[in-house]
Amino acid sequence: MGDRETLRQAKLSSGLLDFEDLVRACRSYRRFRADEPLGRGFLLALVDIARKCASAANRQPLRYAIVDEPAAAAELFGGLRWAAALKEWSGPVEGERPSAYIVIFADGEPGNFTWCDCGIAAQTIALAATEAGAGLCMLASFDPKVVRAVVGEAADALTPLLVLALGVPAETSVLETAASGADLAYWRGPDDVHHVPKRALADVLVASGE
């Protein structure tokens, strides 16, 4: 799987996902098949999709850096913090690490709605990656000095907001409905499946309109 079209064809061969299935499949993945690179063309296509997203007042404050060269990716990995809820897990091991990253920056200091733009762009990238058979993890816990060192001078006037760690997933992540008032922390079972509790519809509706 070397580029976007190869990944897309692999997904198409197993049947198209409807939108709800796509959203359910669009999870945070933290272990990847490091021997299956995504390809620069695929990563550029994801950024090209993100730049077309809605932006508050159409200010378009976001900038993107692609990090997929192995040495740079390894350096960036060293500045990331993974899965705070998994206390005994320090992050993916060699062979399970992301094959590439997309760093989302703000041009200068973030404005009032920059984080809204960032969330829209990041989720759009996540959905596009999932539809093509890839996956990612959005990381807001990172060392900005490491990010800037990896990206170089182009990042000097930018503010890093999110690091998207991408690859072909090497783990299974499932959703389950949480009981009202239950702990919402994600967890891994003895079978190594990643479980993500989600509030029930009744627990997120403030008013149903009835």
N, C-alpha and C. Protein backbone atom coordinates (compact mmCIF):
# COMPACT_ATOMS: atom_id res chain seq x y z
N MET A 1 0.85 -1.19 0.00
CA MET A 1 0.00 0.00 0.00
C MET A 1 0.89 1.24 0.00
N GLY A 2 1.16 1.77 -1.16
CA GLY A 2 2.10 2.85 -1.24
C GLY A 2 1.50 4.21 -1.48
N ASP A 3 0.24 4.33 -1.84
CA ASP A 3 -0.35 5.63 -2.09
C ASP A 3 -1.84 5.61 -1.85
N ARG A 4 -2.47 6.78 -2.00
CA ARG A 4 -3.88 6.92 -1.67
C ARG A 4 -4.76 6.00 -2.52
N GLU A 5 -4.46 5.90 -3.81
CA GLU A 5 -5.32 5.10 -4.68
C GLU A 5 -5.27 3.63 -4.32
N THR A 6 -4.08 3.13 -3.97
CA THR A 6 -3.98 1.73 -3.56
C THR A 6 -4.80 1.47 -2.32
N LEU A 7 -4.70 2.38 -1.33
CA LEU A 7 -5.48 2.23 -0.11
C LEU A 7 -6.98 2.32 -0.39
N ARG A 8 -7.34 3.26 -1.26
CA ARG A 8 -8.76 3.43 -1.59
C ARG A 8 -9.31 2.18 -2.29
N GLN A 9 -8.55 1.63 -3.20
CA GLN A 9 -9.02 0.44 -3.91
C GLN A 9 -9.17 -0.74 -2.96
N ALA A 10 -8.27 -0.84 -1.99
CA ALA A 10 -8.39 -1.91 -0.99
C ALA A 10 -9.69 -1.77 -0.21
N LYS A 11 -10.06 -0.53 0.12
CA LYS A 11 -11.32 -0.30 0.83
C LYS A 11 -12.52 -0.57 -0.07
N LEU A 12 -12.45 -0.12 -1.31
CA LEU A 12 -13.56 -0.32 -2.22
C LEU A 12 -13.81 -1.79 -2.50
N SER A 13 -12.73 -2.58 -2.52
CA SER A 13 -12.88 -4.00 -2.82
C SER A 13 -13.66 -4.74 -1.74
N SER A 14 -13.68 -4.18 -0.54
CA SER A 14 -14.42 -4.82 0.56
C SER A 14 -15.81 -4.22 0.73
N GLY A 15 -16.19 -3.27 -0.13
CA GLY A 15 -17.52 -2.68 -0.05
C GLY A 15 -17.49 -1.29 0.55
N LEU A 16 -18.23 -0.38 -0.02
CA LEU A 16 -18.26 1.00 0.48
C LEU A 16 -18.89 1.07 1.86
N LEU A 17 -18.33 1.92 2.69
CA LEU A 17 -18.94 2.20 3.98
C LEU A 17 -20.01 3.27 3.82
N ASP A 18 -21.16 3.11 4.51
CA ASP A 18 -22.06 4.24 4.55
C ASP A 18 -21.51 5.22 5.59
N PHE A 19 -22.11 6.40 5.70
CA PHE A 19 -21.47 7.44 6.49
C PHE A 19 -21.40 7.09 7.97
N GLU A 20 -22.45 6.50 8.51
CA GLU A 20 -22.41 6.13 9.94
C GLU A 20 -21.33 5.09 10.19
N ASP A 21 -21.20 4.12 9.29
CA ASP A 21 -20.13 3.12 9.42
C ASP A 21 -18.76 3.80 9.36
N LEU A 22 -18.63 4.78 8.48
CA LEU A 22 -17.37 5.50 8.36
C LEU A 22 -17.02 6.21 9.65
N VAL A 23 -18.00 6.87 10.26
CA VAL A 23 -17.77 7.58 11.51
C VAL A 23 -17.39 6.59 12.62
N ARG A 24 -18.09 5.46 12.67
CA ARG A 24 -17.77 4.45 13.68
C ARG A 24 -16.37 3.90 13.50
N ALA A 25 -15.93 3.77 12.25
CA ALA A 25 -14.59 3.23 11.98
C ALA A 25 -13.50 4.27 12.19
N CYS A 26 -13.89 5.53 12.26
CA CYS A 26 -12.92 6.63 12.37
C CYS A 26 -12.54 6.83 13.84
N ARG A 27 -11.70 5.97 14.35
CA ARG A 27 -11.29 5.97 15.74
C ARG A 27 -9.88 6.54 15.87
N SER A 28 -9.42 6.69 17.10
CA SER A 28 -8.02 7.03 17.36
C SER A 28 -7.22 5.73 17.38
N TYR A 29 -6.34 5.58 16.41
CA TYR A 29 -5.47 4.40 16.35
C TYR A 29 -4.08 4.80 16.83
N ARG A 30 -3.48 3.92 17.63
CA ARG A 30 -2.17 4.24 18.21
C ARG A 30 -1.10 3.21 17.87
N ARG A 31 -1.49 2.18 17.15
CA ARG A 31 -0.51 1.18 16.68
C ARG A 31 -0.76 0.95 15.19
N PHE A 32 0.33 0.96 14.43
CA PHE A 32 0.23 0.94 12.98
C PHE A 32 1.17 -0.10 12.37
N ARG A 33 0.94 -0.37 11.10
CA ARG A 33 1.82 -1.27 10.34
C ARG A 33 2.92 -0.40 9.73
N ALA A 34 4.04 -0.34 10.43
CA ALA A 34 5.12 0.56 10.03
C ALA A 34 5.72 0.19 8.68
N ASP A 35 5.51 -1.06 8.25
CA ASP A 35 6.08 -1.50 6.97
C ASP A 35 5.15 -1.19 5.79
N GLU A 36 4.05 -0.46 6.02
CA GLU A 36 3.12 -0.10 4.96
C GLU A 36 3.02 1.43 4.86
N PRO A 37 3.96 2.07 4.18
CA PRO A 37 3.94 3.54 4.09
C PRO A 37 2.72 4.03 3.32
N LEU A 38 2.30 5.25 3.64
CA LEU A 38 1.12 5.81 3.00
C LEU A 38 1.44 6.48 1.68
N GLY A 39 2.62 6.98 1.51
CA GLY A 39 2.99 7.65 0.26
C GLY A 39 2.74 9.14 0.32
N ARG A 40 3.66 9.92 -0.21
CA ARG A 40 3.55 11.37 -0.17
C ARG A 40 2.31 11.88 -0.90
N GLY A 41 1.94 11.22 -2.01
CA GLY A 41 0.77 11.65 -2.76
C GLY A 41 -0.50 11.56 -1.93
N PHE A 42 -0.62 10.50 -1.13
CA PHE A 42 -1.79 10.32 -0.27
C PHE A 42 -1.83 11.41 0.79
N LEU A 43 -0.69 11.72 1.40
CA LEU A 43 -0.64 12.74 2.45
C LEU A 43 -0.97 14.12 1.88
N LEU A 44 -0.45 14.41 0.70
CA LEU A 44 -0.78 15.68 0.05
C LEU A 44 -2.27 15.76 -0.26
N ALA A 45 -2.86 14.64 -0.66
CA ALA A 45 -4.29 14.62 -0.95
C ALA A 45 -5.11 14.92 0.31
N LEU A 46 -4.66 14.43 1.46
CA LEU A 46 -5.38 14.71 2.71
C LEU A 46 -5.33 16.20 3.04
N VAL A 47 -4.16 16.81 2.88
CA VAL A 47 -4.05 18.25 3.14
C VAL A 47 -4.89 19.03 2.13
N ASP A 48 -4.92 18.57 0.89
CA ASP A 48 -5.70 19.25 -0.14
C ASP A 48 -7.19 19.20 0.19
N ILE A 49 -7.64 18.09 0.77
CA ILE A 49 -9.03 18.00 1.22
C ILE A 49 -9.27 18.96 2.38
N ALA A 50 -8.35 19.00 3.34
CA ALA A 50 -8.53 19.83 4.54
C ALA A 50 -8.60 21.31 4.20
N ARG A 51 -7.82 21.75 3.22
CA ARG A 51 -7.80 23.18 2.90
C ARG A 51 -9.14 23.67 2.33
N LYS A 52 -9.99 22.73 1.90
CA LYS A 52 -11.28 23.09 1.33
C LYS A 52 -12.39 23.16 2.37
N CYS A 53 -12.05 22.88 3.63
CA CYS A 53 -13.06 22.87 4.70
C CYS A 53 -13.54 24.28 5.01
N ALA A 54 -14.69 24.32 5.69
CA ALA A 54 -15.21 25.60 6.18
C ALA A 54 -14.21 26.24 7.14
N SER A 55 -14.19 27.58 7.13
CA SER A 55 -13.30 28.34 8.02
C SER A 55 -14.05 29.56 8.51
N ALA A 56 -13.96 29.84 9.80
CA ALA A 56 -14.67 30.98 10.38
C ALA A 56 -14.27 32.27 9.68
N ALA A 57 -15.26 32.99 9.16
CA ALA A 57 -15.06 34.23 8.41
C ALA A 57 -14.12 34.02 7.21
N ASN A 58 -13.94 32.76 6.84
CA ASN A 58 -13.06 32.38 5.73
C ASN A 58 -11.65 32.93 5.89
N ARG A 59 -11.19 33.02 7.14
CA ARG A 59 -9.84 33.56 7.39
C ARG A 59 -8.75 32.56 7.02
N GLN A 60 -9.05 31.26 7.09
CA GLN A 60 -8.12 30.21 6.69
C GLN A 60 -6.75 30.36 7.38
N PRO A 61 -6.75 30.27 8.73
CA PRO A 61 -5.51 30.50 9.47
C PRO A 61 -4.60 29.28 9.57
N LEU A 62 -5.04 28.14 9.07
CA LEU A 62 -4.29 26.90 9.28
C LEU A 62 -3.20 26.71 8.24
N ARG A 63 -2.10 26.11 8.69
CA ARG A 63 -1.01 25.70 7.81
C ARG A 63 -0.66 24.26 8.16
N TYR A 64 -0.05 23.54 7.24
CA TYR A 64 0.19 22.11 7.42
C TYR A 64 1.63 21.75 7.06
N ALA A 65 2.18 20.83 7.81
CA ALA A 65 3.49 20.28 7.49
C ALA A 65 3.37 18.77 7.43
N ILE A 66 3.93 18.18 6.39
CA ILE A 66 3.96 16.73 6.25
C ILE A 66 5.34 16.23 6.69
N VAL A 67 5.34 15.26 7.58
CA VAL A 67 6.59 14.67 8.06
C VAL A 67 6.52 13.17 7.76
N ASP A 68 7.23 12.72 6.74
CA ASP A 68 7.20 11.30 6.39
C ASP A 68 8.57 10.72 6.11
N GLU A 69 9.61 11.55 6.13
CA GLU A 69 10.97 11.02 5.97
C GLU A 69 11.33 10.29 7.26
N PRO A 70 11.85 9.06 7.20
CA PRO A 70 12.02 8.23 8.40
C PRO A 70 12.77 8.89 9.55
N ALA A 71 13.88 9.56 9.28
CA ALA A 71 14.65 10.17 10.36
C ALA A 71 13.87 11.29 11.03
N ALA A 72 13.19 12.12 10.22
CA ALA A 72 12.39 13.21 10.77
C ALA A 72 11.20 12.68 11.55
N ALA A 73 10.57 11.61 11.04
CA ALA A 73 9.43 11.01 11.73
C ALA A 73 9.86 10.44 13.08
N ALA A 74 11.03 9.82 13.12
CA ALA A 74 11.54 9.26 14.37
C ALA A 74 11.83 10.37 15.38
N GLU A 75 12.38 11.50 14.90
CA GLU A 75 12.64 12.64 15.79
C GLU A 75 11.34 13.21 16.34
N LEU A 76 10.34 13.34 15.49
CA LEU A 76 9.06 13.88 15.93
C LEU A 76 8.40 12.95 16.94
N PHE A 77 8.50 11.64 16.70
CA PHE A 77 7.92 10.66 17.62
C PHE A 77 8.43 10.88 19.04
N GLY A 78 9.70 11.24 19.17
CA GLY A 78 10.29 11.45 20.49
C GLY A 78 9.71 12.62 21.25
N GLY A 79 8.98 13.51 20.56
CA GLY A 79 8.38 14.66 21.23
C GLY A 79 6.90 14.50 21.49
N LEU A 80 6.36 13.28 21.30
CA LEU A 80 4.92 13.04 21.46
C LEU A 80 4.63 12.30 22.76
N ARG A 81 3.43 12.52 23.29
CA ARG A 81 2.97 11.81 24.49
C ARG A 81 1.70 11.07 24.13
N TRP A 82 1.65 9.79 24.48
CA TRP A 82 0.59 8.91 23.99
C TRP A 82 -0.33 8.44 25.11
N ALA A 83 -1.64 8.42 24.84
CA ALA A 83 -2.66 7.68 25.59
C ALA A 83 -2.54 7.84 27.10
N ALA A 84 -2.91 9.01 27.60
CA ALA A 84 -2.81 9.28 29.03
C ALA A 84 -3.62 8.30 29.87
N ALA A 85 -4.71 7.76 29.32
CA ALA A 85 -5.56 6.86 30.09
C ALA A 85 -4.95 5.46 30.24
N LEU A 86 -3.99 5.13 29.39
CA LEU A 86 -3.32 3.81 29.48
C LEU A 86 -2.04 4.00 30.27
N LYS A 87 -2.14 3.96 31.58
CA LYS A 87 -1.06 4.36 32.47
C LYS A 87 0.21 3.53 32.30
N GLU A 88 0.07 2.25 31.93
CA GLU A 88 1.23 1.37 31.86
C GLU A 88 1.77 1.23 30.43
N TRP A 89 1.26 2.05 29.52
CA TRP A 89 1.67 1.96 28.12
C TRP A 89 2.33 3.26 27.72
N SER A 90 3.56 3.19 27.21
CA SER A 90 4.34 4.40 26.91
C SER A 90 4.28 4.80 25.45
N GLY A 91 3.49 4.09 24.66
CA GLY A 91 3.38 4.44 23.24
C GLY A 91 3.74 3.27 22.35
N PRO A 92 3.51 3.40 21.06
CA PRO A 92 3.79 2.29 20.14
C PRO A 92 5.28 1.96 20.07
N VAL A 93 5.56 0.67 19.98
CA VAL A 93 6.95 0.21 19.93
C VAL A 93 7.43 0.23 18.48
N GLU A 94 8.71 0.02 18.31
CA GLU A 94 9.29 -0.06 16.97
C GLU A 94 8.52 -1.08 16.14
N GLY A 95 8.19 -0.72 14.92
CA GLY A 95 7.40 -1.58 14.06
C GLY A 95 5.92 -1.32 14.12
N GLU A 96 5.48 -0.55 15.15
CA GLU A 96 4.07 -0.20 15.29
C GLU A 96 3.87 1.32 15.31
N ARG A 97 4.93 2.04 14.99
CA ARG A 97 4.86 3.50 15.06
C ARG A 97 4.28 4.08 13.78
N PRO A 98 3.76 5.30 13.85
CA PRO A 98 3.17 5.92 12.65
C PRO A 98 4.19 6.00 11.52
N SER A 99 3.71 5.87 10.31
CA SER A 99 4.60 5.98 9.15
C SER A 99 4.73 7.42 8.68
N ALA A 100 3.83 8.30 9.14
CA ALA A 100 3.87 9.70 8.72
C ALA A 100 3.07 10.55 9.70
N TYR A 101 3.28 11.86 9.58
CA TYR A 101 2.57 12.82 10.42
C TYR A 101 2.14 14.00 9.56
N ILE A 102 1.00 14.59 9.93
CA ILE A 102 0.61 15.90 9.43
C ILE A 102 0.48 16.80 10.66
N VAL A 103 1.27 17.86 10.68
CA VAL A 103 1.20 18.83 11.78
C VAL A 103 0.32 19.99 11.33
N ILE A 104 -0.66 20.33 12.16
CA ILE A 104 -1.53 21.47 11.88
C ILE A 104 -1.06 22.65 12.72
N PHE A 105 -0.79 23.77 12.05
CA PHE A 105 -0.34 24.99 12.70
C PHE A 105 -1.37 26.09 12.53
N ALA A 106 -1.29 27.08 13.42
CA ALA A 106 -1.95 28.36 13.20
C ALA A 106 -0.92 29.34 12.66
N ASP A 107 -1.34 30.15 11.71
CA ASP A 107 -0.46 31.18 11.17
C ASP A 107 -0.40 32.32 12.18
N GLY A 108 0.67 32.40 12.96
CA GLY A 108 0.78 33.36 14.04
C GLY A 108 0.07 32.86 15.29
N GLU A 109 -0.42 33.78 16.10
CA GLU A 109 -1.15 33.40 17.31
C GLU A 109 -2.57 32.98 16.96
N PRO A 110 -3.07 31.89 17.57
CA PRO A 110 -4.43 31.43 17.26
C PRO A 110 -5.48 32.50 17.61
N GLY A 111 -6.46 32.66 16.72
CA GLY A 111 -7.57 33.56 16.97
C GLY A 111 -8.69 32.86 17.72
N ASN A 112 -9.80 33.58 17.93
CA ASN A 112 -10.90 33.04 18.73
C ASN A 112 -11.48 31.76 18.15
N PHE A 113 -11.49 31.62 16.83
CA PHE A 113 -12.13 30.47 16.20
C PHE A 113 -11.13 29.51 15.55
N THR A 114 -9.83 29.73 15.80
CA THR A 114 -8.82 28.89 15.15
C THR A 114 -8.98 27.43 15.54
N TRP A 115 -9.29 27.19 16.82
CA TRP A 115 -9.44 25.79 17.24
C TRP A 115 -10.65 25.13 16.59
N CYS A 116 -11.71 25.91 16.31
CA CYS A 116 -12.85 25.35 15.58
C CYS A 116 -12.40 24.92 14.19
N ASP A 117 -11.67 25.79 13.51
CA ASP A 117 -11.15 25.44 12.19
C ASP A 117 -10.27 24.20 12.26
N CYS A 118 -9.43 24.15 13.30
CA CYS A 118 -8.51 23.02 13.44
C CYS A 118 -9.26 21.71 13.63
N GLY A 119 -10.30 21.75 14.46
CA GLY A 119 -11.09 20.53 14.68
C GLY A 119 -11.79 20.06 13.42
N ILE A 120 -12.35 21.02 12.67
CA ILE A 120 -13.02 20.67 11.42
C ILE A 120 -12.03 20.03 10.45
N ALA A 121 -10.86 20.65 10.31
CA ALA A 121 -9.85 20.14 9.37
C ALA A 121 -9.33 18.77 9.81
N ALA A 122 -9.07 18.61 11.10
CA ALA A 122 -8.52 17.35 11.59
C ALA A 122 -9.51 16.20 11.41
N GLN A 123 -10.78 16.45 11.72
CA GLN A 123 -11.78 15.39 11.56
C GLN A 123 -12.00 15.05 10.09
N THR A 124 -11.94 16.06 9.23
CA THR A 124 -12.08 15.80 7.80
C THR A 124 -10.93 14.93 7.30
N ILE A 125 -9.71 15.23 7.74
CA ILE A 125 -8.56 14.38 7.39
C ILE A 125 -8.77 12.98 7.92
N ALA A 126 -9.25 12.86 9.16
CA ALA A 126 -9.45 11.54 9.76
C ALA A 126 -10.47 10.72 8.97
N LEU A 127 -11.58 11.35 8.58
CA LEU A 127 -12.60 10.63 7.82
C LEU A 127 -12.07 10.21 6.44
N ALA A 128 -11.33 11.11 5.78
CA ALA A 128 -10.78 10.79 4.47
C ALA A 128 -9.76 9.66 4.57
N ALA A 129 -8.94 9.69 5.62
CA ALA A 129 -7.95 8.62 5.81
C ALA A 129 -8.65 7.29 6.08
N THR A 130 -9.68 7.31 6.90
CA THR A 130 -10.41 6.09 7.23
C THR A 130 -11.08 5.50 6.00
N GLU A 131 -11.69 6.36 5.19
CA GLU A 131 -12.36 5.89 3.98
C GLU A 131 -11.39 5.19 3.05
N ALA A 132 -10.11 5.59 3.12
CA ALA A 132 -9.10 5.01 2.24
C ALA A 132 -8.37 3.83 2.87
N GLY A 133 -8.76 3.42 4.07
CA GLY A 133 -8.14 2.27 4.70
C GLY A 133 -6.99 2.60 5.63
N ALA A 134 -6.75 3.90 5.88
CA ALA A 134 -5.71 4.31 6.82
C ALA A 134 -6.36 4.73 8.13
N GLY A 135 -5.59 5.26 9.05
CA GLY A 135 -6.13 5.72 10.32
C GLY A 135 -5.16 6.68 10.95
N LEU A 136 -5.59 7.33 12.03
CA LEU A 136 -4.70 8.29 12.66
C LEU A 136 -5.06 8.47 14.12
N CYS A 137 -4.18 9.19 14.81
CA CYS A 137 -4.43 9.62 16.18
C CYS A 137 -4.12 11.11 16.25
N MET A 138 -5.05 11.89 16.79
CA MET A 138 -4.84 13.32 16.96
C MET A 138 -4.15 13.56 18.30
N LEU A 139 -3.00 14.17 18.26
CA LEU A 139 -2.20 14.37 19.46
C LEU A 139 -2.04 15.86 19.75
N ALA A 140 -2.56 16.29 20.89
CA ALA A 140 -2.38 17.67 21.33
C ALA A 140 -1.32 17.76 22.42
N SER A 141 -0.82 16.60 22.85
CA SER A 141 0.22 16.55 23.88
C SER A 141 1.56 16.27 23.21
N PHE A 142 2.32 17.32 23.02
CA PHE A 142 3.61 17.20 22.33
C PHE A 142 4.52 18.34 22.77
N ASP A 143 5.80 18.19 22.48
CA ASP A 143 6.79 19.21 22.78
C ASP A 143 6.89 20.14 21.58
N PRO A 144 6.42 21.39 21.68
CA PRO A 144 6.46 22.28 20.52
C PRO A 144 7.86 22.56 20.02
N LYS A 145 8.86 22.49 20.90
CA LYS A 145 10.24 22.70 20.46
C LYS A 145 10.68 21.60 19.52
N VAL A 146 10.26 20.36 19.81
CA VAL A 146 10.60 19.25 18.93
C VAL A 146 9.90 19.41 17.59
N VAL A 147 8.63 19.79 17.63
CA VAL A 147 7.86 20.00 16.39
C VAL A 147 8.55 21.04 15.51
N ARG A 148 8.92 22.16 16.12
CA ARG A 148 9.56 23.23 15.35
C ARG A 148 10.92 22.79 14.81
N ALA A 149 11.67 22.03 15.61
CA ALA A 149 12.99 21.56 15.16
C ALA A 149 12.86 20.64 13.96
N VAL A 150 11.84 19.80 13.96
CA VAL A 150 11.64 18.86 12.86
C VAL A 150 11.19 19.58 11.60
N VAL A 151 10.25 20.51 11.74
CA VAL A 151 9.70 21.20 10.58
C VAL A 151 10.69 22.23 10.03
N GLY A 152 11.46 22.85 10.93
CA GLY A 152 12.47 23.80 10.48
C GLY A 152 11.98 25.23 10.46
N GLU A 153 12.71 26.07 9.73
CA GLU A 153 12.45 27.51 9.74
C GLU A 153 11.03 27.87 9.31
N ALA A 154 10.43 27.05 8.50
CA ALA A 154 9.06 27.35 8.03
C ALA A 154 8.08 27.44 9.19
N ALA A 155 8.42 26.86 10.35
CA ALA A 155 7.51 26.86 11.50
C ALA A 155 7.77 28.00 12.46
N ASP A 156 8.77 28.83 12.19
CA ASP A 156 9.17 29.85 13.15
C ASP A 156 8.04 30.80 13.51
N ALA A 157 7.23 31.20 12.54
CA ALA A 157 6.16 32.16 12.79
C ALA A 157 4.81 31.49 13.01
N LEU A 158 4.83 30.17 13.19
CA LEU A 158 3.59 29.41 13.31
C LEU A 158 3.43 28.86 14.73
N THR A 159 2.18 28.55 15.10
CA THR A 159 1.88 27.94 16.40
C THR A 159 1.36 26.53 16.18
N PRO A 160 2.09 25.50 16.63
CA PRO A 160 1.59 24.13 16.43
C PRO A 160 0.35 23.86 17.28
N LEU A 161 -0.68 23.30 16.65
CA LEU A 161 -1.95 23.02 17.33
C LEU A 161 -2.17 21.53 17.56
N LEU A 162 -1.99 20.74 16.52
CA LEU A 162 -2.22 19.30 16.60
C LEU A 162 -1.18 18.57 15.75
N VAL A 163 -0.82 17.38 16.22
CA VAL A 163 -0.01 16.46 15.41
C VAL A 163 -0.89 15.27 15.08
N LEU A 164 -1.09 15.01 13.80
CA LEU A 164 -1.86 13.85 13.36
C LEU A 164 -0.89 12.74 13.00
N ALA A 165 -0.92 11.66 13.77
CA ALA A 165 -0.05 10.51 13.53
C ALA A 165 -0.81 9.52 12.65
N LEU A 166 -0.24 9.20 11.49
CA LEU A 166 -0.97 8.41 10.49
C LEU A 166 -0.27 7.11 10.15
N GLY A 167 -1.09 6.16 9.70
CA GLY A 167 -0.58 4.89 9.22
C GLY A 167 -1.73 3.94 8.92
N VAL A 168 -1.37 2.73 8.54
CA VAL A 168 -2.36 1.67 8.37
C VAL A 168 -2.54 1.03 9.75
N PRO A 169 -3.75 1.04 10.32
CA PRO A 169 -3.94 0.56 11.69
C PRO A 169 -3.52 -0.89 11.87
N ALA A 170 -2.91 -1.15 13.04
CA ALA A 170 -2.51 -2.51 13.41
C ALA A 170 -3.21 -2.91 14.70
N GLU A 171 -4.37 -2.34 14.96
CA GLU A 171 -5.13 -2.69 16.15
C GLU A 171 -6.61 -2.55 15.85
N THR A 172 -7.42 -3.16 16.70
CA THR A 172 -8.88 -3.08 16.58
C THR A 172 -9.41 -2.15 17.66
N SER A 173 -10.27 -1.23 17.27
CA SER A 173 -10.89 -0.30 18.20
C SER A 173 -12.40 -0.39 18.04
N VAL A 174 -13.11 -0.56 19.15
CA VAL A 174 -14.56 -0.74 19.08
C VAL A 174 -15.27 0.26 19.98
N LEU A 175 -16.45 0.66 19.54
CA LEU A 175 -17.31 1.53 20.35
C LEU A 175 -18.29 0.70 21.16
N GLU A 176 -18.62 1.21 22.33
CA GLU A 176 -19.68 0.57 23.12
C GLU A 176 -20.42 1.65 23.87
N THR A 177 -21.71 1.44 24.09
CA THR A 177 -22.53 2.44 24.77
C THR A 177 -22.30 2.37 26.27
N ALA A 178 -21.95 3.50 26.86
CA ALA A 178 -21.69 3.56 28.30
C ALA A 178 -22.99 3.73 29.07
N ALA A 179 -23.06 3.08 30.21
CA ALA A 179 -24.19 3.28 31.10
C ALA A 179 -24.16 4.71 31.63
N SER A 180 -25.33 5.25 31.94
CA SER A 180 -25.42 6.62 32.43
C SER A 180 -24.58 6.77 33.70
N GLY A 181 -23.66 7.75 33.69
CA GLY A 181 -22.81 8.00 34.85
C GLY A 181 -21.58 7.13 34.93
N ALA A 182 -21.38 6.25 33.96
CA ALA A 182 -20.23 5.33 34.00
C ALA A 182 -18.94 6.06 33.63
N ASP A 183 -17.83 5.44 33.99
CA ASP A 183 -16.51 5.95 33.62
C ASP A 183 -16.38 5.93 32.09
N LEU A 184 -15.87 7.02 31.51
CA LEU A 184 -15.77 7.12 30.06
C LEU A 184 -14.34 6.92 29.56
N ALA A 185 -13.43 6.51 30.43
CA ALA A 185 -12.04 6.30 30.00
C ALA A 185 -11.96 5.12 29.05
N TYR A 186 -11.20 5.28 27.97
CA TYR A 186 -10.98 4.15 27.06
C TYR A 186 -10.05 3.14 27.73
N TRP A 187 -10.10 1.89 27.26
CA TRP A 187 -9.32 0.83 27.90
C TRP A 187 -9.04 -0.29 26.91
N ARG A 188 -8.09 -1.15 27.24
CA ARG A 188 -7.76 -2.31 26.44
C ARG A 188 -8.03 -3.58 27.23
N GLY A 189 -8.68 -4.53 26.56
CA GLY A 189 -8.98 -5.79 27.18
C GLY A 189 -7.83 -6.77 27.06
N PRO A 190 -7.96 -7.95 27.67
CA PRO A 190 -6.91 -8.97 27.59
C PRO A 190 -6.66 -9.46 26.17
N ASP A 191 -7.64 -9.28 25.28
CA ASP A 191 -7.45 -9.66 23.88
C ASP A 191 -6.78 -8.54 23.07
N ASP A 192 -6.39 -7.46 23.77
CA ASP A 192 -5.68 -6.32 23.18
C ASP A 192 -6.58 -5.46 22.30
N VAL A 193 -7.90 -5.65 22.38
CA VAL A 193 -8.84 -4.79 21.66
C VAL A 193 -9.03 -3.49 22.44
N HIS A 194 -9.03 -2.37 21.73
CA HIS A 194 -9.18 -1.05 22.34
C HIS A 194 -10.68 -0.73 22.42
N HIS A 195 -11.17 -0.43 23.61
CA HIS A 195 -12.59 -0.17 23.83
C HIS A 195 -12.81 1.33 24.12
N VAL A 196 -13.82 1.90 23.45
CA VAL A 196 -14.11 3.33 23.59
C VAL A 196 -15.56 3.51 24.01
N PRO A 197 -15.83 3.81 25.30
CA PRO A 197 -17.21 4.04 25.74
C PRO A 197 -17.74 5.36 25.19
N LYS A 198 -18.99 5.35 24.75
CA LYS A 198 -19.66 6.56 24.27
C LYS A 198 -20.98 6.74 25.01
N ARG A 199 -21.29 7.96 25.37
CA ARG A 199 -22.57 8.23 26.03
C ARG A 199 -23.73 7.83 25.11
N ALA A 200 -24.81 7.36 25.72
CA ALA A 200 -26.01 7.01 24.96
C ALA A 200 -26.67 8.27 24.43
N LEU A 201 -27.48 8.11 23.38
CA LEU A 201 -28.18 9.25 22.78
C LEU A 201 -28.99 10.01 23.82
N ALA A 202 -29.69 9.28 24.69
CA ALA A 202 -30.52 9.92 25.72
C ALA A 202 -29.70 10.76 26.68
N ASP A 203 -28.41 10.41 26.85
CA ASP A 203 -27.57 11.13 27.80
C ASP A 203 -26.92 12.38 27.20
N VAL A 204 -26.99 12.55 25.89
CA VAL A 204 -26.39 13.75 25.28
C VAL A 204 -27.44 14.74 24.79
N LEU A 205 -28.71 14.30 24.71
CA LEU A 205 -29.77 15.21 24.31
C LEU A 205 -30.23 16.06 25.49
N VAL A 206 -30.13 17.37 25.33
CA VAL A 206 -30.63 18.27 26.37
C VAL A 206 -32.15 18.36 26.29
N ALA A 207 -32.68 18.39 25.06
CA ALA A 207 -34.11 18.39 24.83
C ALA A 207 -34.37 17.71 23.50
N SER A 208 -35.37 16.86 23.44
CA SER A 208 -35.66 16.12 22.23
C SER A 208 -36.60 16.85 21.28
N GLY A 209 -37.21 17.93 21.76
CA GLY A 209 -38.15 18.68 20.95
C GLY A 209 -39.55 18.12 20.98
N GLU A 210 -39.79 17.11 21.79
CA GLU A 210 -41.13 16.51 21.87
C GLU A 210 -41.97 17.24 22.93
